[in-house]
Amino acid sequence: MEHIVTVQAAVTAFEPWMEPTDAELDAIEAEMPVIRAEMELLDAQIIVIDRTPCELDERRLRRARRRVLAAHRAYVNGANGETGGVA
């Protein structure tokens, strides 16, 4: 009779090199406003996916698109070290 066992070491083995570095976590944190804005846009798009958008839905979509563009602009300007100007 053979015993069936799990390979615990292979399932839960996480080496330190597999974890994100501090620099990677900082990069994710810096990009979070963009990620949140894109999630809001996706939510607005999902709401109207199976119906004709009403005026409120169209405004919601426009605002969400503007937030994504503004978040991208702020992220790119911040990543380049610029503090202002035309994007």
N, C-alpha and C. Protein backbone atom coordinates (compact mmCIF):
# COMPACT_ATOMS: atom_id res chain seq x y z
N MET A 1 0.84 -1.18 0.00
CA MET A 1 0.00 0.00 0.00
C MET A 1 0.88 1.24 0.00
N GLU A 2 0.61 2.14 -0.95
CA GLU A 2 1.36 3.38 -1.03
C GLU A 2 0.61 4.49 -0.35
N HIS A 3 1.33 5.30 0.38
CA HIS A 3 0.72 6.44 1.05
C HIS A 3 0.72 7.64 0.12
N ILE A 4 -0.38 8.32 0.10
CA ILE A 4 -0.47 9.54 -0.69
C ILE A 4 -0.22 10.72 0.24
N VAL A 5 0.82 11.48 -0.07
CA VAL A 5 1.17 12.62 0.76
C VAL A 5 1.34 13.84 -0.13
N THR A 6 1.22 14.99 0.46
CA THR A 6 1.45 16.22 -0.29
C THR A 6 2.92 16.57 -0.22
N VAL A 7 3.35 17.31 -1.19
CA VAL A 7 4.73 17.79 -1.21
C VAL A 7 4.69 19.19 -0.61
N GLN A 8 4.73 19.25 0.70
CA GLN A 8 4.57 20.50 1.41
C GLN A 8 5.67 21.49 1.08
N ALA A 9 6.88 21.01 0.97
CA ALA A 9 7.99 21.92 0.72
C ALA A 9 7.84 22.62 -0.64
N ALA A 10 7.37 21.91 -1.64
CA ALA A 10 7.23 22.51 -2.97
C ALA A 10 6.07 23.49 -3.02
N VAL A 11 5.03 23.25 -2.24
CA VAL A 11 3.86 24.12 -2.28
C VAL A 11 4.11 25.42 -1.54
N THR A 12 4.76 25.36 -0.43
CA THR A 12 4.94 26.54 0.41
C THR A 12 6.35 27.10 0.38
N ALA A 13 7.19 26.60 -0.50
CA ALA A 13 8.58 27.08 -0.53
C ALA A 13 8.64 28.43 -1.23
N PHE A 14 8.96 29.45 -0.49
CA PHE A 14 9.15 30.77 -1.06
C PHE A 14 10.54 31.25 -0.66
N GLU A 15 11.35 31.41 -1.64
CA GLU A 15 12.70 31.90 -1.40
C GLU A 15 12.66 33.43 -1.33
N PRO A 16 13.59 34.02 -0.65
CA PRO A 16 13.61 35.49 -0.57
C PRO A 16 13.68 36.16 -1.94
N TRP A 17 14.30 35.54 -2.91
CA TRP A 17 14.41 36.15 -4.23
C TRP A 17 13.08 36.12 -4.98
N MET A 18 12.09 35.38 -4.48
CA MET A 18 10.78 35.32 -5.13
C MET A 18 9.87 36.47 -4.68
N GLU A 19 10.20 37.11 -3.60
CA GLU A 19 9.39 38.21 -3.07
C GLU A 19 9.73 39.49 -3.82
N PRO A 20 8.78 40.41 -3.93
CA PRO A 20 9.10 41.69 -4.59
C PRO A 20 10.08 42.49 -3.74
N THR A 21 10.95 43.19 -4.42
CA THR A 21 11.92 44.02 -3.72
C THR A 21 11.25 45.31 -3.25
N ASP A 22 11.97 46.04 -2.42
CA ASP A 22 11.44 47.33 -1.96
C ASP A 22 11.24 48.29 -3.12
N ALA A 23 12.14 48.25 -4.09
CA ALA A 23 12.02 49.13 -5.25
C ALA A 23 10.77 48.78 -6.07
N GLU A 24 10.50 47.48 -6.22
CA GLU A 24 9.30 47.06 -6.95
C GLU A 24 8.03 47.47 -6.22
N LEU A 25 8.02 47.33 -4.91
CA LEU A 25 6.86 47.74 -4.12
C LEU A 25 6.66 49.25 -4.20
N ASP A 26 7.75 50.01 -4.19
CA ASP A 26 7.65 51.47 -4.33
C ASP A 26 7.10 51.85 -5.70
N ALA A 27 7.51 51.13 -6.74
CA ALA A 27 7.01 51.40 -8.09
C ALA A 27 5.51 51.11 -8.18
N ILE A 28 5.08 50.04 -7.55
CA ILE A 28 3.65 49.71 -7.54
C ILE A 28 2.88 50.78 -6.79
N GLU A 29 3.41 51.21 -5.66
CA GLU A 29 2.76 52.24 -4.85
C GLU A 29 2.65 53.55 -5.63
N ALA A 30 3.69 53.89 -6.40
CA ALA A 30 3.66 55.12 -7.19
C ALA A 30 2.62 55.03 -8.31
N GLU A 31 2.37 53.84 -8.79
CA GLU A 31 1.43 53.66 -9.90
C GLU A 31 -0.01 53.41 -9.43
N MET A 32 -0.23 53.31 -8.14
CA MET A 32 -1.57 53.02 -7.61
C MET A 32 -2.65 54.01 -8.04
N PRO A 33 -2.41 55.32 -8.11
CA PRO A 33 -3.46 56.22 -8.60
C PRO A 33 -3.90 55.88 -10.02
N VAL A 34 -2.96 55.48 -10.86
CA VAL A 34 -3.30 55.09 -12.23
C VAL A 34 -4.14 53.81 -12.21
N ILE A 35 -3.75 52.86 -11.40
CA ILE A 35 -4.47 51.59 -11.30
C ILE A 35 -5.89 51.83 -10.80
N ARG A 36 -6.03 52.66 -9.78
CA ARG A 36 -7.37 52.96 -9.25
C ARG A 36 -8.25 53.66 -10.29
N ALA A 37 -7.67 54.61 -11.02
CA ALA A 37 -8.43 55.33 -12.05
C ALA A 37 -8.86 54.37 -13.15
N GLU A 38 -7.98 53.46 -13.54
CA GLU A 38 -8.33 52.49 -14.57
C GLU A 38 -9.42 51.53 -14.08
N MET A 39 -9.39 51.19 -12.80
CA MET A 39 -10.44 50.33 -12.24
C MET A 39 -11.78 51.05 -12.24
N GLU A 40 -11.79 52.35 -11.93
CA GLU A 40 -13.03 53.13 -11.97
C GLU A 40 -13.59 53.20 -13.39
N LEU A 41 -12.70 53.37 -14.37
CA LEU A 41 -13.14 53.39 -15.77
C LEU A 41 -13.71 52.03 -16.16
N LEU A 42 -13.06 50.98 -15.75
CA LEU A 42 -13.56 49.64 -16.06
C LEU A 42 -14.92 49.40 -15.41
N ASP A 43 -15.09 49.85 -14.18
CA ASP A 43 -16.40 49.73 -13.52
C ASP A 43 -17.48 50.48 -14.29
N ALA A 44 -17.16 51.68 -14.75
CA ALA A 44 -18.14 52.47 -15.51
C ALA A 44 -18.47 51.79 -16.84
N GLN A 45 -17.48 51.19 -17.46
CA GLN A 45 -17.72 50.48 -18.72
C GLN A 45 -18.55 49.22 -18.50
N ILE A 46 -18.32 48.53 -17.40
CA ILE A 46 -19.08 47.32 -17.11
C ILE A 46 -20.54 47.65 -16.86
N ILE A 47 -20.80 48.78 -16.21
CA ILE A 47 -22.17 49.18 -15.91
C ILE A 47 -22.99 49.32 -17.19
N VAL A 48 -22.39 49.86 -18.24
CA VAL A 48 -23.14 50.13 -19.48
C VAL A 48 -22.92 49.06 -20.56
N ILE A 49 -22.32 47.96 -20.20
CA ILE A 49 -21.97 46.97 -21.22
C ILE A 49 -23.20 46.32 -21.86
N ASP A 50 -24.29 46.22 -21.13
CA ASP A 50 -25.46 45.52 -21.67
C ASP A 50 -26.67 46.43 -21.83
N ARG A 51 -26.42 47.72 -21.85
CA ARG A 51 -27.54 48.66 -22.05
C ARG A 51 -27.03 49.91 -22.74
N THR A 52 -27.95 50.67 -23.25
CA THR A 52 -27.60 51.95 -23.85
C THR A 52 -27.33 52.95 -22.74
N PRO A 53 -26.17 53.61 -22.78
CA PRO A 53 -25.84 54.54 -21.71
C PRO A 53 -26.79 55.74 -21.69
N CYS A 54 -27.26 56.09 -20.51
CA CYS A 54 -28.06 57.30 -20.35
C CYS A 54 -27.10 58.47 -20.14
N GLU A 55 -27.64 59.65 -19.94
CA GLU A 55 -26.80 60.83 -19.77
C GLU A 55 -25.88 60.71 -18.57
N LEU A 56 -26.38 60.17 -17.47
CA LEU A 56 -25.57 59.98 -16.27
C LEU A 56 -24.42 59.00 -16.54
N ASP A 57 -24.71 57.93 -17.26
CA ASP A 57 -23.67 56.96 -17.59
C ASP A 57 -22.59 57.58 -18.47
N GLU A 58 -23.02 58.39 -19.44
CA GLU A 58 -22.05 59.05 -20.31
C GLU A 58 -21.16 60.00 -19.53
N ARG A 59 -21.73 60.72 -18.57
CA ARG A 59 -20.92 61.60 -17.71
C ARG A 59 -19.94 60.79 -16.87
N ARG A 60 -20.43 59.68 -16.32
CA ARG A 60 -19.58 58.81 -15.50
C ARG A 60 -18.39 58.30 -16.33
N LEU A 61 -18.66 57.89 -17.57
CA LEU A 61 -17.59 57.41 -18.44
C LEU A 61 -16.60 58.52 -18.77
N ARG A 62 -17.11 59.71 -19.10
CA ARG A 62 -16.24 60.84 -19.42
C ARG A 62 -15.34 61.19 -18.23
N ARG A 63 -15.93 61.25 -17.06
CA ARG A 63 -15.14 61.59 -15.86
C ARG A 63 -14.09 60.52 -15.58
N ALA A 64 -14.47 59.28 -15.75
CA ALA A 64 -13.52 58.19 -15.51
C ALA A 64 -12.37 58.25 -16.50
N ARG A 65 -12.67 58.55 -17.77
CA ARG A 65 -11.61 58.68 -18.78
C ARG A 65 -10.68 59.84 -18.43
N ARG A 66 -11.27 60.96 -18.00
CA ARG A 66 -10.44 62.12 -17.62
C ARG A 66 -9.55 61.79 -16.42
N ARG A 67 -10.09 61.04 -15.46
CA ARG A 67 -9.28 60.65 -14.29
C ARG A 67 -8.11 59.77 -14.71
N VAL A 68 -8.35 58.86 -15.64
CA VAL A 68 -7.27 57.99 -16.12
C VAL A 68 -6.20 58.83 -16.80
N LEU A 69 -6.61 59.75 -17.67
CA LEU A 69 -5.63 60.60 -18.35
C LEU A 69 -4.86 61.46 -17.36
N ALA A 70 -5.55 62.02 -16.39
CA ALA A 70 -4.88 62.86 -15.38
C ALA A 70 -3.91 62.03 -14.54
N ALA A 71 -4.31 60.83 -14.16
CA ALA A 71 -3.44 59.96 -13.36
C ALA A 71 -2.21 59.55 -14.17
N HIS A 72 -2.41 59.22 -15.44
CA HIS A 72 -1.26 58.88 -16.30
C HIS A 72 -0.32 60.07 -16.44
N ARG A 73 -0.88 61.26 -16.66
CA ARG A 73 -0.06 62.46 -16.80
C ARG A 73 0.74 62.71 -15.53
N ALA A 74 0.08 62.62 -14.38
CA ALA A 74 0.77 62.86 -13.11
C ALA A 74 1.85 61.81 -12.88
N TYR A 75 1.57 60.57 -13.22
CA TYR A 75 2.55 59.50 -13.03
C TYR A 75 3.77 59.71 -13.92
N VAL A 76 3.53 60.02 -15.19
CA VAL A 76 4.64 60.22 -16.13
C VAL A 76 5.45 61.45 -15.74
N ASN A 77 4.80 62.54 -15.40
CA ASN A 77 5.51 63.74 -14.99
C ASN A 77 6.30 63.50 -13.72
N GLY A 78 5.74 62.75 -12.79
CA GLY A 78 6.44 62.45 -11.55
C GLY A 78 7.59 61.50 -11.78
N ALA A 79 7.42 60.55 -12.71
CA ALA A 79 8.48 59.58 -12.98
C ALA A 79 9.67 60.21 -13.68
N ASN A 80 9.41 61.27 -14.46
CA ASN A 80 10.49 61.96 -15.15
C ASN A 80 11.15 63.02 -14.30
N GLY A 81 10.65 63.23 -13.11
CA GLY A 81 11.22 64.23 -12.23
C GLY A 81 10.71 65.63 -12.49
N GLU A 82 9.73 65.77 -13.37
CA GLU A 82 9.18 67.09 -13.66
C GLU A 82 8.17 67.45 -12.60
N THR A 83 8.10 68.72 -12.27
CA THR A 83 7.15 69.15 -11.25
C THR A 83 5.96 69.89 -11.84
N GLY A 84 5.99 70.14 -13.11
CA GLY A 84 4.87 70.88 -13.71
C GLY A 84 5.08 71.04 -15.20
N GLY A 85 4.29 71.87 -15.80
CA GLY A 85 4.44 72.09 -17.21
C GLY A 85 3.35 71.40 -18.00
N VAL A 86 3.50 71.48 -19.29
CA VAL A 86 2.50 70.89 -20.19
C VAL A 86 2.84 69.43 -20.42
N ALA A 87 1.83 68.58 -20.30
CA ALA A 87 2.06 67.15 -20.52
C ALA A 87 1.53 66.72 -21.86
